[in-house]
């Protein structure tokens, strides 16, 4: 994977981190996650930076974890699924877990903004919702298709950002929600037409950059602490363990076998086809594309 899978740009007090695998919907591999962590570390250590923006190149923010190529890039993968011991170690060890990078958006005390368009699903949604502020296009699609097979909530942010009724509904159904709907139910902060998204996020980042850094980090810290007091860390220990367990159920192993033998697309069709959403949704329900509107790829 190219070093350019993560791009880092600094303009004044604003750092922009771009997920840069547009041909793969910016799906995540472990090397890419490590580079994201490096970029967040650089921005948080740079005295000139006050605000960090995370975005995705191409027509989507992030399609989740990369399940392509026979899944050979996953540690402990076998023909029967994951080795539970290897998986348990990886997801609970702060030096190997992807959660360390995702929560870098949260734990680093400089404000972070996730700019979301297109698909923001699975692990991509878990990552985006760790940002302090999430701004999306109206037509973006947030969702957790892993709720149907082969996964479980990881960061807990779907739960902590929503009230009980909504959190449980989406946890049990795995249904997607548009950017506009996500804003209305409080999952994210705001949504705008895709044509306005860049300008709106730029304006918000510029507004925050005018505030003293000491004020920004103090206000972020007090809000974070309130959620830590609600058990955020223990939720993030249990979630990935349950996620690993779901990869070792009968249905989870069948999902892996199908993906290995017939390709990931076949597994996704079988999972989402009965519900008619995500890639199996009607054409007029798919997110609008930056490329078709002549907007820059980012």
Foldseek 3Di string as FASTA:
>chain_A
DDPVCWDWDDDFQEIEIEREPQVQLSADAQVSLVVLQVRLVVSLVDPRHQEYEYAYFWFWGYPYHDCFDLNPRDPQQDLLFHDLVVLLVQCQDCVRHSVVSLLSLQPSLRAYEYETFFEQEANSVLSRLSGPAYEYAQLHKYWYLCLQAQFFRAQCLLVVQADPVRSVVRSNPRDIDGNCRCCVRRSGPYHHHPVCRVVVVVVVSVVSSVDDSVVSSVVSVVVSVVVVVVVSVVCNSVRSSVSRVRCNDPRNSVLSNCCNPPNNVVSVCVSCVVVQDDVSPDPVSGTDTCVVVVHHRD
